[in-house]
C-alpha atoms as a PDB file:
ATOM      1  CA  MET A   1      56.693 109.292 168.257  1.00  0.00           C
ATOM      2  CA  ALA A   2      54.884 107.961 165.448  1.00  0.00           C
ATOM      3  CA  ASN A   3      55.400 104.753 163.314  1.00  0.00           C
ATOM      4  CA  PRO A   4      58.205 105.398 160.341  1.00  0.00           C
ATOM      5  CA  ALA A   5      56.991 104.982 156.981  1.00  0.00           C
ATOM      6  CA  THR A   6      58.264 102.052 155.422  1.00  0.00           C
ATOM      7  CA  ALA A   7      55.863 102.390 151.850  1.00  0.00           C
ATOM      8  CA  PHE A   8      56.192 105.453 148.775  1.00  0.00           C
ATOM      9  CA  ALA A   9      55.114 106.242 145.733  1.00  0.00           C
ATOM     10  CA  GLY A  10      57.340 108.358 143.135  1.00  0.00           C
ATOM     11  CA  TYR A  11      58.149 108.096 139.671  1.00  0.00           C
ATOM     12  CA  ALA A  12      61.576 105.615 138.897  1.00  0.00           C
ATOM     13  CA  ALA A  13      62.005 107.645 135.421  1.00  0.00           C
ATOM     14  CA  LEU A  14      60.247 110.676 133.576  1.00  0.00           C
ATOM     15  CA  PHE A  15      59.232 110.854 129.862  1.00  0.00           C
ATOM     16  CA  ALA A  16      60.354 113.499 127.539  1.00  0.00           C
ATOM     17  CA  ILE A  17      63.301 114.681 130.684  1.00  0.00           C
ATOM     18  CA  PRO A  18      66.828 114.297 128.745  1.00  0.00           C
ATOM     19  CA  ASP A  19      68.340 112.092 132.149  1.00  0.00           C
ATOM     20  CA  GLN A  20      72.415 112.955 133.038  1.00  0.00           C
ATOM     21  CA  GLY A  21      73.542 110.170 130.343  1.00  0.00           C
ATOM     22  CA  GLY A  22      71.986 111.376 127.325  1.00  0.00           C
ATOM     23  CA  ASP A  23      68.387 109.099 127.056  1.00  0.00           C
ATOM     24  CA  ILE A  24      65.276 110.979 126.995  1.00  0.00           C
ATOM     25  CA  ILE A  25      62.728 108.135 127.466  1.00  0.00           C
ATOM     26  CA  ALA A  26      59.321 108.083 125.306  1.00  0.00           C
ATOM     27  CA  PRO A  27      56.207 107.607 126.621  1.00  0.00           C
ATOM     28  CA  GLY A  28      54.781 103.983 125.979  1.00  0.00           C
ATOM     29  CA  ALA A  29      58.406 102.646 125.984  1.00  0.00           C
ATOM     30  CA  PHE A  30      57.432 100.409 128.998  1.00  0.00           C
ATOM     31  CA  ALA A  31      54.247  99.296 127.505  1.00  0.00           C
ATOM     32  CA  ALA A  32      55.641  96.132 126.820  1.00  0.00           C
ATOM     33  CA  SER A  33      58.117  95.113 130.404  1.00  0.00           C
ATOM     34  CA  LEU A  34      55.405  95.587 132.134  1.00  0.00           C
ATOM     35  CA  LYS A  35      53.251  93.204 130.842  1.00  0.00           C
ATOM     36  CA  ARG A  36      55.943  90.507 130.507  1.00  0.00           C
ATOM     37  CA  ARG A  37      57.474  91.379 134.278  1.00  0.00           C
ATOM     38  CA  PRO A  38      55.201  92.626 135.780  1.00  0.00           C
ATOM     39  CA  PRO A  39      54.606  93.790 139.735  1.00  0.00           C
ATOM     40  CA  PRO A  40      55.451  92.413 142.275  1.00  0.00           C
ATOM     41  CA  ASP A  41      58.031  90.768 139.723  1.00  0.00           C
ATOM     42  CA  ILE A  42      60.488  93.726 139.448  1.00  0.00           C
ATOM     43  CA  PRO A  43      63.168  93.850 142.140  1.00  0.00           C
ATOM     44  CA  LEU A  44      63.648  96.733 144.947  1.00  0.00           C
ATOM     45  CA  LEU A  45      66.900  97.494 144.661  1.00  0.00           C
ATOM     46  CA  PHE A  46      69.875  99.278 147.222  1.00  0.00           C
ATOM     47  CA  GLN A  47      71.839 101.460 145.026  1.00  0.00           C
ATOM     48  CA  HIS A  48      71.155  98.337 141.422  1.00  0.00           C
ATOM     49  CA  ASP A  49      72.804  96.718 143.884  1.00  0.00           C
ATOM     50  CA  PRO A  50      71.523  92.722 143.279  1.00  0.00           C
ATOM     51  CA  LYS A  51      73.037  92.089 146.612  1.00  0.00           C
ATOM     52  CA  GLU A  52      70.375  93.929 148.297  1.00  0.00           C
ATOM     53  CA  PRO A  53      66.867  93.960 148.077  1.00  0.00           C
ATOM     54  CA  VAL A  54      65.275  95.819 150.299  1.00  0.00           C
ATOM     55  CA  GLY A  55      61.508  95.427 149.623  1.00  0.00           C
ATOM     56  CA  ARG A  56      59.119  95.160 146.801  1.00  0.00           C
ATOM     57  CA  ILE A  57      57.379  97.385 144.060  1.00  0.00           C
ATOM     58  CA  VAL A  58      52.740  96.726 144.492  1.00  0.00           C
ATOM     59  CA  GLU A  59      52.503  98.987 141.577  1.00  0.00           C
ATOM     60  CA  ALA A  60      54.256  99.866 137.859  1.00  0.00           C
ATOM     61  CA  ALA A  61      52.546 101.687 135.826  1.00  0.00           C
ATOM     62  CA  GLU A  62      52.667 105.340 132.749  1.00  0.00           C
ATOM     63  CA  ASP A  63      51.336 108.047 133.049  1.00  0.00           C
ATOM     64  CA  GLU A  64      51.444 111.388 131.258  1.00  0.00           C
ATOM     65  CA  THR A  65      54.445 111.989 133.035  1.00  0.00           C
ATOM     66  CA  GLY A  66      56.132 108.770 133.439  1.00  0.00           C
ATOM     67  CA  LEU A  67      56.096 105.039 134.910  1.00  0.00           C
ATOM     68  CA  ARG A  68      55.629 106.149 138.570  1.00  0.00           C
ATOM     69  CA  ILE A  69      55.411 103.262 141.160  1.00  0.00           C
ATOM     70  CA  ARG A  70      54.226 102.322 144.774  1.00  0.00           C
ATOM     71  CA  ALA A  71      56.442  99.786 146.627  1.00  0.00           C
ATOM     72  CA  GLU A  72      57.116  98.640 149.689  1.00  0.00           C
ATOM     73  CA  LEU A  73      60.271  98.434 152.444  1.00  0.00           C
ATOM     74  CA  LEU A  74      60.363  95.400 154.130  1.00  0.00           C
ATOM     75  CA  VAL A  75      61.082  96.344 157.295  1.00  0.00           C
ATOM     76  CA  ASP A  76      63.107  92.555 158.232  1.00  0.00           C
ATOM     77  CA  VAL A  77      65.749  93.048 155.896  1.00  0.00           C
ATOM     78  CA  ALA A  78      68.481  95.549 157.914  1.00  0.00           C
ATOM     79  CA  ARG A  79      69.411  97.276 155.005  1.00  0.00           C
ATOM     80  CA  ALA A  80      65.826  98.311 154.675  1.00  0.00           C
ATOM     81  CA  ARG A  81      65.137 100.103 158.202  1.00  0.00           C
ATOM     82  CA  GLU A  82      68.121 102.036 157.204  1.00  0.00           C
ATOM     83  CA  LEU A  83      66.220 102.969 154.345  1.00  0.00           C
ATOM     84  CA  VAL A  84      63.857 103.599 156.638  1.00  0.00           C
ATOM     85  CA  SER A  85      65.285 106.024 158.649  1.00  0.00           C
ATOM     86  CA  LEU A  86      67.012 107.184 155.302  1.00  0.00           C
ATOM     87  CA  VAL A  87      64.143 108.404 153.276  1.00  0.00           C
ATOM     88  CA  ALA A  88      62.370 109.839 156.208  1.00  0.00           C
ATOM     89  CA  GLY A  89      64.746 112.530 157.077  1.00  0.00           C
ATOM     90  CA  ASN A  90      65.156 113.459 152.939  1.00  0.00           C
ATOM     91  CA  ALA A  91      68.463 111.933 153.504  1.00  0.00           C
ATOM     92  CA  ILE A  92      68.380 109.815 150.651  1.00  0.00           C
ATOM     93  CA  GLY A  93      65.497 109.830 147.922  1.00  0.00           C
ATOM     94  CA  GLY A  94      66.257 109.697 144.316  1.00  0.00           C
ATOM     95  CA  LEU A  95      65.017 106.845 141.941  1.00  0.00           C
ATOM     96  CA  SER A  96      66.821 104.642 139.131  1.00  0.00           C
ATOM     97  CA  ILE A  97      65.798 102.365 137.039  1.00  0.00           C
ATOM     98  CA  GLY A  98      68.060  98.967 135.046  1.00  0.00           C
ATOM     99  CA  PHE A  99      67.312  98.181 131.836  1.00  0.00           C
ATOM    100  CA  ARG A 100      68.084  96.634 128.725  1.00  0.00           C
ATOM    101  CA  THR A 101      67.010  99.125 125.727  1.00  0.00           C
ATOM    102  CA  ILE A 102      65.371  97.149 123.330  1.00  0.00           C
ATOM    103  CA  ARG A 103      64.646  99.579 120.857  1.00  0.00           C
ATOM    104  CA  ALA A 104      66.227 103.380 120.482  1.00  0.00           C
ATOM    105  CA  ARG A 105      66.774 105.737 118.021  1.00  0.00           C
ATOM    106  CA  LYS A 106      69.989 108.877 117.950  1.00  0.00           C
ATOM    107  CA  ASP A 107      68.716 112.052 117.073  1.00  0.00           C
ATOM    108  CA  ALA A 108      72.016 113.434 115.164  1.00  0.00           C
ATOM    109  CA  ASP A 109      71.093 116.935 116.051  1.00  0.00           C
ATOM    110  CA  THR A 110      71.568 117.124 119.653  1.00  0.00           C
ATOM    111  CA  GLY A 111      73.170 114.212 120.726  1.00  0.00           C
ATOM    112  CA  TYR A 112      70.421 112.268 122.791  1.00  0.00           C
ATOM    113  CA  ARG A 113      68.952 108.757 122.698  1.00  0.00           C
ATOM    114  CA  HIS A 114      65.663 108.080 122.702  1.00  0.00           C
ATOM    115  CA  LEU A 115      64.246 105.210 124.361  1.00  0.00           C
ATOM    116  CA  LEU A 116      61.197 103.755 122.793  1.00  0.00           C
ATOM    117  CA  SER A 117      60.940 100.564 123.650  1.00  0.00           C
ATOM    118  CA  ILE A 118      62.920  99.016 127.328  1.00  0.00           C
ATOM    119  CA  ASP A 119      62.855  95.986 129.183  1.00  0.00           C
ATOM    120  CA  LEU A 120      62.709  96.538 132.974  1.00  0.00           C
ATOM    121  CA  TRP A 121      64.723  95.022 135.212  1.00  0.00           C
ATOM    122  CA  GLU A 122      64.697  96.392 137.646  1.00  0.00           C
ATOM    123  CA  ILE A 123      63.703  99.833 140.526  1.00  0.00           C
ATOM    124  CA  SER A 124      66.596 101.112 142.842  1.00  0.00           C
ATOM    125  CA  ILE A 125      66.188 104.052 145.681  1.00  0.00           C
ATOM    126  CA  VAL A 126      69.331 105.584 145.544  1.00  0.00           C
ATOM    127  CA  THR A 127      71.865 108.331 146.418  1.00  0.00           C
ATOM    128  CA  PHE A 128      72.939 109.544 142.870  1.00  0.00           C
ATOM    129  CA  PRO A 129      69.631 109.036 140.344  1.00  0.00           C
ATOM    130  CA  MET A 130      70.535 109.605 136.498  1.00  0.00           C
ATOM    131  CA  MET A 131      67.377 111.194 136.285  1.00  0.00           C
ATOM    132  CA  PRO A 132      67.702 114.445 139.369  1.00  0.00           C
ATOM    133  CA  GLY A 133      63.698 114.722 139.120  1.00  0.00           C
ATOM    134  CA  ALA A 134      62.793 111.076 139.412  1.00  0.00           C
ATOM    135  CA  ARG A 135      62.430 110.903 143.066  1.00  0.00           C
ATOM    136  CA  ILE A 136      60.617 109.485 146.342  1.00  0.00           C
ATOM    137  CA  SER A 137      57.639 111.594 146.149  1.00  0.00           C
ATOM    138  CA  THR A 138      54.806 110.162 149.263  1.00  0.00           C
ATOM    139  CA  LEU A 139      55.597 108.392 152.355  1.00  0.00           C
ATOM    140  CA  PHE A 140      52.684 106.280 154.104  1.00  0.00           C
ATOM    141  CA  ALA A 141      53.199 104.226 157.185  1.00  0.00           C
ATOM    142  CA  SER A 142      51.733 101.733 155.212  1.00  0.00           C
ATOM    143  CA  LEU A 143      50.267 101.127 151.555  1.00  0.00           C
ATOM    144  CA  PRO A 144      46.940 102.790 151.247  1.00  0.00           C
ATOM    145  CA  PRO A 145      44.810 102.398 147.492  1.00  0.00           C
ATOM    146  CA  PRO A 146      45.992 104.179 144.904  1.00  0.00           C
ATOM    147  CA  ASP A 147      44.439 107.914 144.953  1.00  0.00           C
ATOM    148  CA  GLU A 148      44.426 108.980 141.302  1.00  0.00           C
ATOM    149  CA  LYS A 149      43.977 112.932 142.497  1.00  0.00           C
ATOM    150  CA  ASP A 150      48.069 112.450 144.439  1.00  0.00           C
ATOM    151  CA  GLN A 151      49.097 110.333 141.861  1.00  0.00           C
ATOM    152  CA  ALA A 152      48.351 114.149 139.245  1.00  0.00           C
ATOM    153  CA  SER A 153      49.906 116.630 142.306  1.00  0.00           C
ATOM    154  CA  ALA A 154      53.059 113.934 142.519  1.00  0.00           C
ATOM    155  CA  GLY A 155      53.098 113.944 138.917  1.00  0.00           C
ATOM    156  CA  THR A 156      53.435 118.087 138.080  1.00  0.00           C
ATOM    157  CA  ALA A 157      55.735 118.245 141.051  1.00  0.00           C
ATOM    158  CA  ASN A 158      58.123 115.462 139.589  1.00  0.00           C
ATOM    159  CA  ARG A 159      58.267 117.317 136.306  1.00  0.00           C
ATOM    160  CA  ILE A 160      58.905 120.705 137.241  1.00  0.00           C
ATOM    161  CA  ALA A 161      60.739 119.709 139.933  1.00  0.00           C
ATOM    162  CA  ALA A 162      62.963 117.713 136.991  1.00  0.00           C
ATOM    163  CA  ALA A 163      62.974 120.891 134.970  1.00  0.00           C
ATOM    164  CA  ILE A 164      64.918 122.638 137.503  1.00  0.00           C
ATOM    165  CA  SER A 165      67.604 120.232 138.290  1.00  0.00           C
ATOM    166  CA  LEU A 166      68.316 120.240 134.492  1.00  0.00           C
ATOM    167  CA  LEU A 167      68.058 123.755 133.875  1.00  0.00           C
ATOM    168  CA  SER A 168      70.576 123.825 137.201  1.00  0.00           C
ATOM    169  CA  ASN A 169      72.754 121.740 136.404  1.00  0.00           C
ATOM    170  CA  GLN A 170      73.724 123.313 132.900  1.00  0.00           C
END
């Protein structure tokens, strides 16, 4: 049996797509926060629970799609070992962010809140992401170096999945 995946890549947030709470994240919203708190200073949690750290964020960067991350699950942690199995088995795979809003504006016509600047506190593996398209997209037995082509194709796939999810929720 092959070793289970212990590392992953995906989008923790997508730009320009409303989440289920009515927020839309603007490109550039994470820029200042990522300068103040770069990986690995961003905790990787399970279900936003600060008592459930499960790994480390290796890379977090904005691209044209959203906040792309690469992370590792620390298999010396019992919950992380469970997540390796759950993620590899497609039983869980959502990503979500914990943040504080720095700057936002409300669109009076649509009711959406446009998040212009965010203080990113943590990223979590979750069962039900607020943004359905924010998901783990690639699993690795160990974390390889970044591959720009892989990132671009994963971004397109995630944007399509997010759009389909948004339409199906309406």
